[in-house]
Amino acid sequence: MPTVLRERGFRFVINTDDHTPAHVHVFGGGHEMVIEFEEDVRIRNNWGFNRREQAIAKLIVIDNQEYLMLEWRRIHG
């Protein structure tokens, strides 16, 4: 599970054996969420992050969407 981005206490990971649509697993404070970013950015699953943390992580994905898509393509071909 390569970490592709670290920001504001979050770790953004793209699994090497994952499936589409493009998404990242976000870790922090013992919690995890999955954010899709292929077209619209949306939180698919959340395990423990509060609404504020979810909003911050989603904004980070929006701000880095192009980079994350490049990383997704690099990892998945």
C-alpha atoms as a PDB file:
ATOM      1  CA  MET A   1       0.000   0.000   0.000  1.00  0.00           C
ATOM      2  CA  PRO A   2       2.075   2.941  -1.210  1.00  0.00           C
ATOM      3  CA  THR A   3       1.547   6.227   0.584  1.00  0.00           C
ATOM      4  CA  VAL A   4       1.217   8.830  -2.166  1.00  0.00           C
ATOM      5  CA  LEU A   5       0.517  11.920  -0.063  1.00  0.00           C
ATOM      6  CA  ARG A   6       0.765  13.129   3.524  1.00  0.00           C
ATOM      7  CA  GLU A   7      -0.949  16.313   4.553  1.00  0.00           C
ATOM      8  CA  ARG A   8      -2.470  17.816   7.722  1.00  0.00           C
ATOM      9  CA  GLY A   9      -2.095  14.581   9.681  1.00  0.00           C
ATOM     10  CA  PHE A  10      -3.659  12.406   6.990  1.00  0.00           C
ATOM     11  CA  ARG A  11      -1.943   9.649   5.019  1.00  0.00           C
ATOM     12  CA  PHE A  12      -3.324   8.983   1.526  1.00  0.00           C
ATOM     13  CA  VAL A  13      -2.735   5.486   0.159  1.00  0.00           C
ATOM     14  CA  ILE A  14      -3.416   3.802  -3.185  1.00  0.00           C
ATOM     15  CA  ASN A  15      -3.488   0.007  -2.948  1.00  0.00           C
ATOM     16  CA  THR A  16      -1.536  -1.769  -5.680  1.00  0.00           C
ATOM     17  CA  ASP A  17      -4.186  -4.482  -6.115  1.00  0.00           C
ATOM     18  CA  ASP A  18      -7.251  -2.248  -5.900  1.00  0.00           C
ATOM     19  CA  HIS A  19     -10.170  -1.749  -8.290  1.00  0.00           C
ATOM     20  CA  THR A  20     -11.770   1.131 -10.140  1.00  0.00           C
ATOM     21  CA  PRO A  21     -13.086   3.744  -9.762  1.00  0.00           C
ATOM     22  CA  ALA A  22      -9.898   5.564  -8.781  1.00  0.00           C
ATOM     23  CA  HIS A  23      -9.796   6.192  -5.054  1.00  0.00           C
ATOM     24  CA  VAL A  24      -7.525   6.674  -2.065  1.00  0.00           C
ATOM     25  CA  HIS A  25      -7.626   5.192   1.399  1.00  0.00           C
ATOM     26  CA  VAL A  26      -7.164   7.940   3.972  1.00  0.00           C
ATOM     27  CA  PHE A  27      -5.696   7.123   7.387  1.00  0.00           C
ATOM     28  CA  GLY A  28      -5.278   9.243  10.480  1.00  0.00           C
ATOM     29  CA  GLY A  29      -5.829   8.991  14.215  1.00  0.00           C
ATOM     30  CA  GLY A  30      -6.648   5.294  13.961  1.00  0.00           C
ATOM     31  CA  HIS A  31      -9.459   5.956  11.469  1.00  0.00           C
ATOM     32  CA  GLU A  32      -9.904   5.228   7.782  1.00  0.00           C
ATOM     33  CA  MET A  33     -12.031   6.501   4.918  1.00  0.00           C
ATOM     34  CA  VAL A  34     -12.171   5.886   1.187  1.00  0.00           C
ATOM     35  CA  ILE A  35     -12.467   8.847  -1.175  1.00  0.00           C
ATOM     36  CA  GLU A  36     -13.202   8.379  -4.876  1.00  0.00           C
ATOM     37  CA  PHE A  37     -11.725  10.980  -7.224  1.00  0.00           C
ATOM     38  CA  GLU A  38     -12.022   9.677 -10.784  1.00  0.00           C
ATOM     39  CA  GLU A  39     -14.693  12.207 -11.756  1.00  0.00           C
ATOM     40  CA  ASP A  40     -16.496  13.760  -8.825  1.00  0.00           C
ATOM     41  CA  VAL A  41     -14.732  13.632  -5.484  1.00  0.00           C
ATOM     42  CA  ARG A  42     -16.862  11.801  -2.937  1.00  0.00           C
ATOM     43  CA  ILE A  43     -16.439   9.915   0.295  1.00  0.00           C
ATOM     44  CA  ARG A  44     -17.434   6.294  -0.318  1.00  0.00           C
ATOM     45  CA  ASN A  45     -16.785   4.882   3.165  1.00  0.00           C
ATOM     46  CA  ASN A  46     -15.844   6.313   6.543  1.00  0.00           C
ATOM     47  CA  TRP A  47     -14.758   4.475   9.656  1.00  0.00           C
ATOM     48  CA  GLY A  48     -14.402   6.937  12.505  1.00  0.00           C
ATOM     49  CA  PHE A  49     -13.571  10.364  11.047  1.00  0.00           C
ATOM     50  CA  ASN A  50     -15.843  13.198  12.184  1.00  0.00           C
ATOM     51  CA  ARG A  51     -17.525  15.553   9.678  1.00  0.00           C
ATOM     52  CA  ARG A  52     -14.806  18.208   9.984  1.00  0.00           C
ATOM     53  CA  GLU A  53     -12.036  15.687   9.314  1.00  0.00           C
ATOM     54  CA  GLN A  54     -13.992  14.279   6.380  1.00  0.00           C
ATOM     55  CA  ALA A  55     -14.372  17.746   4.878  1.00  0.00           C
ATOM     56  CA  ILE A  56     -10.668  18.536   5.284  1.00  0.00           C
ATOM     57  CA  ALA A  57      -9.576  15.243   3.701  1.00  0.00           C
ATOM     58  CA  LYS A  58     -12.004  15.729   0.825  1.00  0.00           C
ATOM     59  CA  LEU A  59     -10.633  19.231   0.163  1.00  0.00           C
ATOM     60  CA  ILE A  60      -7.092  17.844   0.146  1.00  0.00           C
ATOM     61  CA  VAL A  61      -8.154  15.284  -2.477  1.00  0.00           C
ATOM     62  CA  ILE A  62      -9.831  18.006  -4.555  1.00  0.00           C
ATOM     63  CA  ASP A  63      -6.694  20.154  -4.382  1.00  0.00           C
ATOM     64  CA  ASN A  64      -4.512  17.191  -5.408  1.00  0.00           C
ATOM     65  CA  GLN A  65      -6.900  15.394  -7.765  1.00  0.00           C
ATOM     66  CA  GLU A  66      -4.652  15.672 -10.834  1.00  0.00           C
ATOM     67  CA  TYR A  67      -1.599  14.389  -8.953  1.00  0.00           C
ATOM     68  CA  LEU A  68      -3.592  11.544  -7.394  1.00  0.00           C
ATOM     69  CA  MET A  69      -4.888  10.483 -10.816  1.00  0.00           C
ATOM     70  CA  LEU A  70      -1.313  10.420 -12.144  1.00  0.00           C
ATOM     71  CA  GLU A  71      -0.313   8.238  -9.198  1.00  0.00           C
ATOM     72  CA  TRP A  72      -3.321   5.953  -9.718  1.00  0.00           C
ATOM     73  CA  ARG A  73      -2.337   5.474 -13.372  1.00  0.00           C
ATOM     74  CA  ARG A  74       1.328   4.938 -12.462  1.00  0.00           C
ATOM     75  CA  ILE A  75       0.392   2.235  -9.956  1.00  0.00           C
ATOM     76  CA  HIS A  76      -2.373   0.567 -11.998  1.00  0.00           C
ATOM     77  CA  GLY A  77      -1.144   1.154 -15.529  1.00  0.00           C
END
